[in-house]
N, C-alpha and C. Protein backbone atom coordinates (compact mmCIF):
# COMPACT_ATOMS: atom_id res chain seq x y z
N MET A 1 83.32 143.33 106.24
CA MET A 1 83.95 141.79 105.71
C MET A 1 83.01 141.92 104.29
N ARG A 2 83.66 141.48 103.34
CA ARG A 2 82.89 141.22 101.84
C ARG A 2 82.69 139.77 101.16
N TRP A 3 82.24 139.85 100.72
CA TRP A 3 81.59 137.74 100.40
C TRP A 3 81.11 138.33 98.95
N THR A 4 80.78 137.10 98.33
CA THR A 4 80.05 136.90 97.20
C THR A 4 79.30 135.97 97.32
N SER A 5 78.58 135.58 96.30
CA SER A 5 77.55 134.43 96.69
C SER A 5 77.47 134.00 94.94
N THR A 6 77.14 132.47 94.93
CA THR A 6 77.00 132.14 93.45
C THR A 6 75.14 132.31 93.58
N GLY A 7 74.52 132.70 93.00
CA GLY A 7 73.31 132.69 92.91
C GLY A 7 72.61 133.71 92.03
N ILE A 8 71.55 133.97 91.85
CA ILE A 8 70.75 135.14 90.94
C ILE A 8 71.01 136.38 91.29
N MET A 9 71.05 137.20 90.15
CA MET A 9 71.33 138.58 90.31
C MET A 9 70.87 139.55 91.27
N ALA A 10 69.51 139.26 91.24
CA ALA A 10 68.11 139.74 91.75
C ALA A 10 68.70 140.13 93.80
N VAL A 11 69.11 138.44 93.89
CA VAL A 11 69.29 138.39 95.14
C VAL A 11 70.70 139.24 95.69
N LEU A 12 71.69 139.19 94.67
CA LEU A 12 73.29 139.97 94.71
C LEU A 12 73.03 141.44 94.79
N ARG A 13 72.07 141.80 94.23
CA ARG A 13 71.61 143.32 94.13
C ARG A 13 71.33 143.81 95.35
N SER A 14 70.60 142.93 96.08
CA SER A 14 69.84 142.95 97.62
C SER A 14 70.80 143.03 98.64
N ILE A 15 71.71 142.15 98.35
CA ILE A 15 72.87 141.79 99.26
C ILE A 15 73.58 143.09 99.24
N CYS A 16 74.47 143.13 97.97
CA CYS A 16 75.05 144.01 97.68
C CYS A 16 74.66 144.90 96.49
N PRO A 17 74.77 146.04 97.41
CA PRO A 17 74.50 147.34 96.37
C PRO A 17 75.25 147.80 95.51
N GLU A 18 76.76 147.68 95.80
CA GLU A 18 77.64 148.01 95.01
C GLU A 18 77.41 147.32 93.48
N PRO A 19 77.99 147.86 91.93
CA PRO A 19 77.92 147.36 90.75
C PRO A 19 78.84 146.41 90.65
N ARG A 20 79.82 146.87 91.32
CA ARG A 20 81.60 146.32 91.22
C ARG A 20 81.21 144.77 91.61
N SER A 21 80.83 144.63 93.05
CA SER A 21 80.76 143.58 93.71
C SER A 21 79.75 142.56 93.23
N ALA A 22 78.87 142.82 92.09
CA ALA A 22 77.92 142.17 91.26
C ALA A 22 79.04 141.11 90.36
N CYS A 23 79.94 141.79 90.04
CA CYS A 23 80.58 140.75 88.99
C CYS A 23 81.56 139.83 89.45
N ALA A 24 81.74 139.87 90.77
CA ALA A 24 82.57 139.24 91.45
C ALA A 24 81.99 137.67 91.78
N GLY A 25 83.10 136.49 91.50
CA GLY A 25 82.03 135.04 92.09
C GLY A 25 81.97 134.66 90.61
N PHE A 26 81.33 133.32 91.16
CA PHE A 26 81.14 132.21 90.05
C PHE A 26 79.90 132.29 89.40
N THR A 27 79.10 132.15 88.19
CA THR A 27 77.59 131.53 88.33
C THR A 27 77.64 130.36 88.57
N LEU A 28 76.38 129.97 88.54
CA LEU A 28 75.60 128.97 88.84
C LEU A 28 76.53 127.73 87.78
N ILE A 29 76.29 128.24 86.61
CA ILE A 29 76.77 127.34 85.37
C ILE A 29 78.31 127.25 85.88
N GLU A 30 79.22 127.68 85.63
CA GLU A 30 80.91 127.64 86.33
C GLU A 30 81.02 127.08 86.97
N ALA A 31 80.31 127.02 88.40
CA ALA A 31 80.26 126.07 89.49
C ALA A 31 79.80 124.82 88.98
N LEU A 32 78.79 124.36 88.47
CA LEU A 32 78.36 123.26 88.02
C LEU A 32 79.78 122.19 86.83
N VAL A 33 80.00 123.45 86.32
CA VAL A 33 80.94 122.72 85.18
C VAL A 33 82.11 122.37 85.50
N ALA A 34 82.57 123.01 86.95
CA ALA A 34 83.53 123.06 87.99
C ALA A 34 83.46 121.71 88.29
N LEU A 35 82.43 121.38 89.24
CA LEU A 35 82.13 120.15 89.64
C LEU A 35 82.00 119.13 88.71
N ALA A 36 81.30 119.20 87.32
CA ALA A 36 81.32 118.22 86.78
C ALA A 36 82.66 117.51 86.22
N LEU A 37 83.88 118.50 86.28
CA LEU A 37 85.28 118.10 85.63
C LEU A 37 85.80 117.50 86.86
N LEU A 38 85.60 118.00 88.10
CA LEU A 38 86.36 117.20 88.98
C LEU A 38 85.29 115.77 89.29
N LEU A 39 84.31 116.05 89.03
CA LEU A 39 83.46 114.73 89.08
C LEU A 39 84.14 113.18 87.97
N ALA A 40 84.04 113.42 86.84
CA ALA A 40 84.95 112.82 85.58
C ALA A 40 86.50 112.91 86.31
N PHE A 41 87.13 113.93 86.50
CA PHE A 41 88.60 113.35 87.21
C PHE A 41 88.24 112.50 88.30
N VAL A 42 87.52 112.41 88.99
CA VAL A 42 87.81 111.36 90.04
C VAL A 42 87.26 109.90 89.49
N SER A 43 86.10 110.07 88.34
CA SER A 43 85.59 108.60 88.25
C SER A 43 86.67 108.19 87.01
N VAL A 44 87.77 108.67 86.65
CA VAL A 44 88.60 108.46 85.81
C VAL A 44 89.89 107.75 86.49
N LEU A 45 90.21 108.26 87.70
CA LEU A 45 91.25 108.09 88.46
C LEU A 45 90.95 106.97 89.49
N GLY A 46 89.49 106.99 90.01
CA GLY A 46 89.51 106.29 91.33
C GLY A 46 89.47 104.51 91.19
N PRO A 47 89.42 103.95 90.10
CA PRO A 47 89.81 102.67 90.15
C PRO A 47 91.10 102.24 89.78
N HIS A 48 91.56 103.20 89.42
CA HIS A 48 93.18 102.99 90.01
C HIS A 48 93.86 103.08 91.04
N LEU A 49 93.04 104.28 91.73
CA LEU A 49 93.53 104.25 93.03
C LEU A 49 93.22 103.21 94.06
N PHE A 50 92.21 102.68 93.69
CA PHE A 50 91.82 101.73 94.68
C PHE A 50 92.48 100.46 94.22
N TYR A 51 92.92 100.08 93.26
CA TYR A 51 93.92 99.31 92.44
C TYR A 51 95.38 99.24 92.88
N ALA A 52 95.70 100.47 93.00
CA ALA A 52 97.17 100.77 93.44
C ALA A 52 96.79 100.43 94.96
N ARG A 53 96.04 100.81 95.89
CA ARG A 53 95.93 100.38 97.27
C ARG A 53 95.77 98.89 97.41
N ARG A 54 94.97 98.10 96.88
CA ARG A 54 95.12 96.82 96.78
C ARG A 54 96.65 96.14 96.79
N ILE A 55 97.22 96.75 95.41
CA ILE A 55 98.74 96.10 95.61
C ILE A 55 99.44 96.54 97.05
N ALA A 56 99.49 97.74 97.37
CA ALA A 56 99.95 97.82 98.35
C ALA A 56 99.67 97.31 99.78
N ASP A 57 98.42 96.83 99.85
CA ASP A 57 98.13 95.83 100.82
C ASP A 57 98.74 94.74 100.76
N LYS A 58 98.72 94.17 99.61
CA LYS A 58 99.46 92.69 99.55
C LYS A 58 101.05 92.73 99.17
N ILE A 59 101.64 93.71 99.14
CA ILE A 59 103.04 93.72 99.06
C ILE A 59 103.78 93.38 100.00
N ASP A 60 103.60 93.28 101.41
CA ASP A 60 104.11 92.57 102.36
C ASP A 60 104.30 91.23 102.28
N GLY A 61 103.38 90.68 101.88
CA GLY A 61 103.36 89.18 101.89
C GLY A 61 104.21 88.64 100.68
N ARG A 62 104.33 89.69 99.51
CA ARG A 62 104.88 89.41 98.02
C ARG A 62 106.61 89.42 98.82
N ILE A 63 106.60 90.31 99.58
CA ILE A 63 108.62 90.97 100.06
C ILE A 63 108.74 89.84 101.14
N ALA A 64 107.86 89.10 101.90
CA ALA A 64 108.03 88.07 102.81
C ALA A 64 108.34 86.84 102.14
N ALA A 65 107.42 86.53 101.10
CA ALA A 65 107.76 85.24 100.07
C ALA A 65 109.17 85.66 99.33
N GLN A 66 109.43 86.70 98.86
CA GLN A 66 110.58 86.80 98.31
C GLN A 66 111.78 86.48 99.32
N VAL A 67 111.78 87.01 100.13
CA VAL A 67 113.10 86.62 101.62
C VAL A 67 112.98 85.46 101.80
N MET A 68 111.86 84.70 102.10
CA MET A 68 112.01 83.32 102.13
C MET A 68 112.10 82.52 100.71
N LEU A 69 112.03 83.02 99.85
CA LEU A 69 112.93 82.30 98.70
C LEU A 69 114.18 82.24 98.61
N ARG A 70 114.57 83.81 98.79
CA ARG A 70 116.08 84.14 98.77
C ARG A 70 117.00 82.70 100.04
N THR A 71 116.18 82.92 100.89
CA THR A 71 117.06 82.18 102.25
C THR A 71 116.87 80.78 101.87
N ILE A 72 116.05 80.11 100.98
CA ILE A 72 115.63 78.62 100.86
C ILE A 72 117.22 78.58 99.94
N LEU A 73 117.20 79.35 98.73
CA LEU A 73 118.33 79.13 97.82
C LEU A 73 119.88 79.55 98.31
N ASP A 74 119.58 80.28 99.20
CA ASP A 74 121.17 80.25 99.85
C ASP A 74 121.66 79.22 101.21
N SER A 75 120.70 78.92 101.46
CA SER A 75 120.81 78.01 102.58
C SER A 75 121.62 76.63 102.26
N PRO A 76 122.65 75.93 102.92
CA PRO A 76 123.59 75.04 102.36
C PRO A 76 122.41 73.65 102.00
N VAL A 77 122.93 72.99 101.08
CA VAL A 77 121.69 71.61 100.72
C VAL A 77 122.76 70.57 101.26
N ASP A 78 121.92 69.63 101.57
CA ASP A 78 122.54 68.37 102.32
C ASP A 78 122.43 67.31 100.72
N ARG A 79 123.75 67.25 100.04
CA ARG A 79 123.76 67.00 98.79
C ARG A 79 123.27 65.37 98.86
N SER A 80 123.36 64.74 99.95
CA SER A 80 122.46 63.04 99.78
C SER A 80 121.38 63.02 99.57
N ILE A 81 120.36 64.09 99.78
CA ILE A 81 119.03 64.27 100.14
C ILE A 81 118.63 64.83 98.62
N LEU A 82 119.17 65.23 97.30
CA LEU A 82 118.92 65.82 96.33
C LEU A 82 118.24 64.96 95.55
N ALA A 83 118.64 63.81 95.68
CA ALA A 83 118.04 62.61 94.83
C ALA A 83 116.16 62.30 94.94
N ASN A 84 115.87 62.69 96.34
CA ASN A 84 114.91 62.45 96.82
C ASN A 84 113.64 63.12 96.11
N GLY A 85 113.72 64.25 95.72
CA GLY A 85 113.04 64.91 95.14
C GLY A 85 112.39 65.68 95.88
N THR A 86 111.54 65.71 96.21
CA THR A 86 110.80 67.24 96.95
C THR A 86 110.39 67.65 98.15
N ARG A 87 111.09 68.23 98.77
CA ARG A 87 110.56 68.98 100.00
C ARG A 87 109.73 70.10 100.08
N ASP A 88 109.05 69.83 101.01
CA ASP A 88 107.95 70.78 101.01
C ASP A 88 107.99 71.16 102.67
N GLY A 89 107.44 72.47 103.00
CA GLY A 89 106.90 72.59 104.69
C GLY A 89 105.81 74.05 104.82
N GLU A 90 105.88 74.39 105.82
CA GLU A 90 105.48 75.78 105.91
C GLU A 90 105.63 76.64 107.09
N THR A 91 106.46 77.89 106.72
CA THR A 91 106.87 78.77 107.91
C THR A 91 106.41 80.10 108.00
N ALA A 92 106.04 80.65 108.93
CA ALA A 92 105.15 81.72 109.25
C ALA A 92 104.34 82.19 108.09
N GLY A 93 103.54 81.09 108.12
CA GLY A 93 102.34 81.42 107.07
C GLY A 93 102.74 81.21 105.76
N LEU A 94 104.06 80.71 105.13
CA LEU A 94 104.39 81.15 103.53
C LEU A 94 104.35 79.39 103.93
N ARG A 95 103.90 78.94 101.99
CA ARG A 95 103.98 77.50 102.18
C ARG A 95 105.50 77.36 101.19
N TRP A 96 106.11 76.89 101.20
CA TRP A 96 107.38 76.50 100.65
C TRP A 96 107.75 74.95 99.88
N SER A 97 108.47 75.02 98.65
CA SER A 97 108.64 73.63 98.28
C SER A 97 110.03 73.66 97.43
N VAL A 98 110.65 72.57 97.95
CA VAL A 98 111.86 72.61 96.98
C VAL A 98 111.67 71.35 95.78
N THR A 99 112.17 71.37 94.78
CA THR A 99 111.85 70.26 93.70
C THR A 99 113.28 70.04 93.28
N SER A 100 113.63 68.94 93.20
CA SER A 100 115.15 68.57 92.32
C SER A 100 114.92 67.36 91.68
N GLU A 101 115.44 67.46 90.36
CA GLU A 101 115.53 66.57 89.33
C GLU A 101 117.00 66.74 88.82
N PRO A 102 117.31 65.51 88.60
CA PRO A 102 118.56 65.46 87.90
C PRO A 102 119.00 65.71 86.78
N MET A 103 119.71 66.33 86.41
CA MET A 103 120.24 66.95 84.99
C MET A 103 121.24 65.84 84.23
N PHE A 104 120.64 65.48 83.35
CA PHE A 104 121.79 64.38 82.27
C PHE A 104 122.09 65.04 81.31
N VAL A 105 123.32 65.71 80.98
CA VAL A 105 123.95 66.20 79.60
C VAL A 105 125.06 65.66 79.71
N ASP A 106 125.46 65.34 78.29
CA ASP A 106 126.82 64.34 78.14
C ASP A 106 127.69 65.64 78.41
N ALA A 107 127.47 66.97 77.72
CA ALA A 107 128.41 67.69 77.42
C ALA A 107 128.63 68.57 78.26
N MET A 108 128.49 67.94 79.86
CA MET A 108 128.77 68.90 80.83
C MET A 108 129.98 68.78 81.03
N ALA A 109 130.64 67.37 81.27
CA ALA A 109 132.28 67.04 81.38
C ALA A 109 132.79 66.12 80.52
N ALA A 110 133.91 66.32 80.52
CA ALA A 110 134.72 65.43 79.33
C ALA A 110 134.90 63.91 80.23
N ARG A 111 134.62 62.94 79.53
CA ARG A 111 134.93 61.90 79.76
C ARG A 111 136.50 61.47 79.72
N ARG A 112 137.50 60.83 80.88
CA ARG A 112 138.38 60.38 80.60
C ARG A 112 138.73 58.99 80.87
N ASP A 113 139.28 58.63 80.01
CA ASP A 113 139.39 57.15 80.07
C ASP A 113 140.77 56.44 81.10
N ALA A 114 141.21 57.46 81.00
CA ALA A 114 142.47 57.01 82.43
C ALA A 114 142.34 58.15 83.67
N PRO A 115 142.69 57.40 84.95
CA PRO A 115 142.14 58.68 85.87
C PRO A 115 143.56 59.73 85.81
N ALA A 116 143.55 60.97 86.24
CA ALA A 116 144.26 61.55 86.37
C ALA A 116 145.51 61.40 87.33
N ALA A 117 146.52 61.70 87.27
CA ALA A 117 147.67 61.44 88.15
C ALA A 117 147.28 62.68 89.60
N ALA A 118 147.50 61.86 90.44
CA ALA A 118 146.99 62.39 91.61
C ALA A 118 148.31 63.62 91.90
N ALA A 119 148.20 64.93 92.61
CA ALA A 119 148.96 65.46 92.87
C ALA A 119 150.43 64.98 93.72
N PRO A 120 151.45 65.20 93.69
CA PRO A 120 152.57 64.58 94.46
C PRO A 120 152.31 64.90 96.01
N ASP A 121 151.57 65.88 96.33
CA ASP A 121 151.20 66.22 98.00
C ASP A 121 150.09 65.00 98.71
N LYS A 122 149.38 64.64 97.54
CA LYS A 122 148.00 64.04 97.97
C LYS A 122 148.47 62.41 97.52
N LYS A 123 148.18 61.63 99.25
CA LYS A 123 148.34 60.45 98.53
C LYS A 123 147.08 59.85 98.24
N GLU A 124 146.74 59.24 97.01
CA GLU A 124 145.57 58.33 96.56
C GLU A 124 145.59 56.68 97.17
N GLU A 125 144.38 56.40 98.03
CA GLU A 125 144.57 55.15 98.38
C GLU A 125 144.15 54.21 97.20
N PRO A 126 144.74 53.25 97.25
CA PRO A 126 144.46 52.60 95.76
C PRO A 126 142.83 51.86 96.11
N GLY A 127 142.36 51.54 96.72
CA GLY A 127 140.90 51.41 96.78
C GLY A 127 139.72 52.52 96.42
N ALA A 128 140.28 53.67 96.83
CA ALA A 128 139.22 54.75 96.99
C ALA A 128 138.66 55.19 95.47
N LYS A 129 137.19 55.55 95.96
CA LYS A 129 136.49 55.33 94.61
C LYS A 129 136.01 56.86 94.68
N ARG A 130 136.57 57.73 93.40
CA ARG A 130 136.15 59.13 93.17
C ARG A 130 134.07 59.30 93.44
N PRO A 131 133.81 60.17 94.20
CA PRO A 131 132.41 60.20 94.14
C PRO A 131 132.09 60.65 92.47
N ASN A 132 130.56 60.16 92.47
CA ASN A 132 129.61 60.70 91.18
C ASN A 132 128.88 61.70 91.38
N TRP A 133 129.41 62.90 91.01
CA TRP A 133 128.81 64.08 91.00
C TRP A 133 127.77 64.22 90.09
N ILE A 134 126.39 64.50 90.31
CA ILE A 134 125.63 64.93 89.36
C ILE A 134 124.63 66.30 89.85
N ALA A 135 124.78 66.98 88.30
CA ALA A 135 124.06 68.22 88.54
C ALA A 135 122.66 67.90 88.72
N TYR A 136 122.07 68.89 90.09
CA TYR A 136 120.67 68.76 89.97
C TYR A 136 120.13 69.97 89.83
N HIS A 137 118.80 70.30 89.15
CA HIS A 137 118.01 71.62 88.94
C HIS A 137 116.94 71.57 89.82
N LEU A 138 117.25 72.79 90.58
CA LEU A 138 116.23 73.04 91.93
C LEU A 138 115.12 74.01 91.53
N VAL A 139 114.03 73.75 92.01
CA VAL A 139 113.20 74.87 91.78
C VAL A 139 112.54 74.88 92.87
N ALA A 140 112.80 75.81 93.71
CA ALA A 140 111.48 76.52 94.87
C ALA A 140 110.76 77.44 94.52
N THR A 141 109.63 77.17 95.30
CA THR A 141 108.23 78.20 95.22
C THR A 141 107.92 78.39 96.45
N VAL A 142 107.38 79.71 96.79
CA VAL A 142 107.24 79.75 98.12
C VAL A 142 105.74 80.87 97.95
N SER A 143 104.31 80.17 98.52
CA SER A 143 103.41 81.04 98.19
C SER A 143 103.10 81.66 99.34
N TRP A 144 102.14 82.50 99.46
CA TRP A 144 101.60 83.20 100.62
C TRP A 144 100.15 83.68 100.14
N ALA A 145 99.22 83.35 99.52
CA ALA A 145 97.99 83.53 99.33
C ALA A 145 97.87 82.60 98.13
N PRO A 146 96.36 81.93 97.92
CA PRO A 146 95.74 81.18 96.82
C PRO A 146 96.12 82.06 95.53
N GLY A 147 97.06 81.41 94.73
CA GLY A 147 97.37 81.79 93.67
C GLY A 147 98.43 82.75 93.78
N GLN A 148 98.95 83.22 94.25
CA GLN A 148 99.80 84.31 94.72
C GLN A 148 101.64 83.28 95.28
N MET A 149 102.04 83.12 94.40
CA MET A 149 103.69 82.70 94.53
C MET A 149 104.74 83.70 93.68
N VAL A 150 105.75 83.27 94.41
CA VAL A 150 107.20 83.34 93.61
C VAL A 150 107.93 82.00 93.21
N SER A 151 108.79 81.98 92.14
CA SER A 151 109.48 80.41 92.13
C SER A 151 110.76 81.18 91.44
N ALA A 152 111.99 80.20 92.08
CA ALA A 152 113.21 80.50 91.65
C ALA A 152 113.82 79.24 91.18
N ASP A 153 114.73 79.50 90.22
CA ASP A 153 115.46 77.81 90.19
C ASP A 153 116.95 78.23 89.98
N THR A 154 117.99 76.87 90.12
CA THR A 154 119.31 77.05 90.59
C THR A 154 119.63 75.99 89.92
N LEU A 155 121.03 75.87 89.72
CA LEU A 155 121.79 74.56 89.87
C LEU A 155 122.41 73.94 90.96
N ARG A 156 122.71 72.82 91.33
CA ARG A 156 123.65 72.35 92.61
C ARG A 156 123.82 70.79 92.60
N LEU A 157 125.17 70.82 92.60
CA LEU A 157 125.74 69.83 92.83
C LEU A 157 125.86 69.04 93.85
N GLY A 158 125.03 66.88 93.27
CA GLY A 158 124.80 66.19 94.27
C GLY A 158 125.52 64.85 93.89
N LEU A 159 125.32 64.24 94.92
CA LEU A 159 125.93 62.85 94.78
C LEU A 159 124.88 62.02 94.12
N GLY A 160 126.03 60.94 93.26
CA GLY A 160 124.84 60.16 92.01
C GLY A 160 123.71 59.10 93.24
N ALA A 161 123.31 58.34 92.57
CA ALA A 161 122.64 57.35 93.11
C ALA A 161 122.86 56.08 93.64
N ASP A 162 124.33 56.07 93.00
CA ASP A 162 125.00 54.74 93.38
C ASP A 162 125.82 55.06 94.76
N GLU A 163 125.75 56.59 95.38
CA GLU A 163 127.09 56.87 96.12
C GLU A 163 126.44 56.49 97.66
């Protein structure tokens, strides 16, 4: 069985009488330099590894919030309640809110002085009133922890206040 040691040359001579084996292995200085390089490497990468671990631990909440946000935006909206303003709630530990406000932009639709002629296959009642559509800006926000939230906005059509 052959082995080498990092230590004093006198000890090596007493253990291994062969001169060729005295040159094998690392000296104490080489071992300390290697250990110092390893320590420097770990001290530089250590904080980044802990930060990456913290991000990975909180990713489940962010993914759940993104799924909830997409569900809120994709769900059908009751157009009669868009004018009411804010809706909020909590589902599976995620706080959510949907805020709607009307958008009044004159350039959105051309105004017509005369009503358009109805298609021949559709019968228009003389007393029928056309719905007053208004564009609403919806902002949906989902929060999974204090200070942690995702938000998205969209545009939906809703009935006007006089409907």
